[in-house]
Amino acid sequence: MAKTIEEWINKDVKRIQRKGGIYLAENFCRDPLRPTIIDNSKFFSPADGILVFQKEVEATDPIVEVKGKFFTPQCLLDDFNYFNRSLIISIYMTSYSIHYNRMPTNGIITYEDLECLKTNNLPMLRFEKKILEQILDFNECDYLFSNERRISTIYVPKMKYTYYIVQIADSDVNCITHFVEQEDFVNQTNKFSLIHFGSQCTLVLPLPAPFKYKLLLPDLTVVEAGVDALIQTDFQTYKNSFN
């Protein structure tokens, strides 16, 4: 369930740290049972981790500034023909987080890989060190511009609405694994993918959308995939989708 970074560190992180590196490796691979939650008025978190930003921006406006460079929705999607204003919600998946990703909604999924722009992915652990101290230092986010990523496109038929999930991998990864086939229909809160070690998972919701929305959690909240709702919508048809 959603908690502050301080609560999460005291309850979960310190317990793992006390058991040493071997347990950390085993802990990283854990896949605990999660309840199936069907609430078609909500978008659930696709990842375990820390909410690092939630904002509406134009396609060419900065989501964050990294050492004087602007990271925009076009950069995130690696698509300079993308012009929608968008709601961007990003979760940093720490070394202590479960790394299975889950569907925020019901939908038909397609995906594609984008290779890293450098010979190797850049490390993400410097950013993790700061964020565990509750400091958002985006100057440690060079990886946003260069690292390997997988873009999943989710189409919700009853809404006739398409949104995106962007997974960004750490330097030690070079592997983002999907458990579903292209154009599979995947139920809300079901697992669809796995990323290893420190990673980032970002929702991109193009606007205007066929619903009004309300953000439910503040930045720097620790969330669980398929458990914590990030967005409440008011779209009645969506509530009745797939019944």
Foldseek 3Di string as FASTA:
>chain_A
DKDFLVVCCVPFVVVQVVVDDVSLVVLQADDDDDDQDAFLQFFFFFFFAFWADWDWDWQPAASDAAPNRGCGVCLQVVHPVDTFTKTKIKGKAASNTHFWTFGRAWFWKAKDKDAFQDPFQAAQVVQVVQVSVVDRDRNSVPSSRGFIKMKMWTAQVLQRFIKIKIKGAGRPWPDKAFPDDHRDTDHGLDTTIGTGHTIMIMIIGGPPGQWDKDADDDGNMGHHHSPGTGIGTDRVSSSVPPD
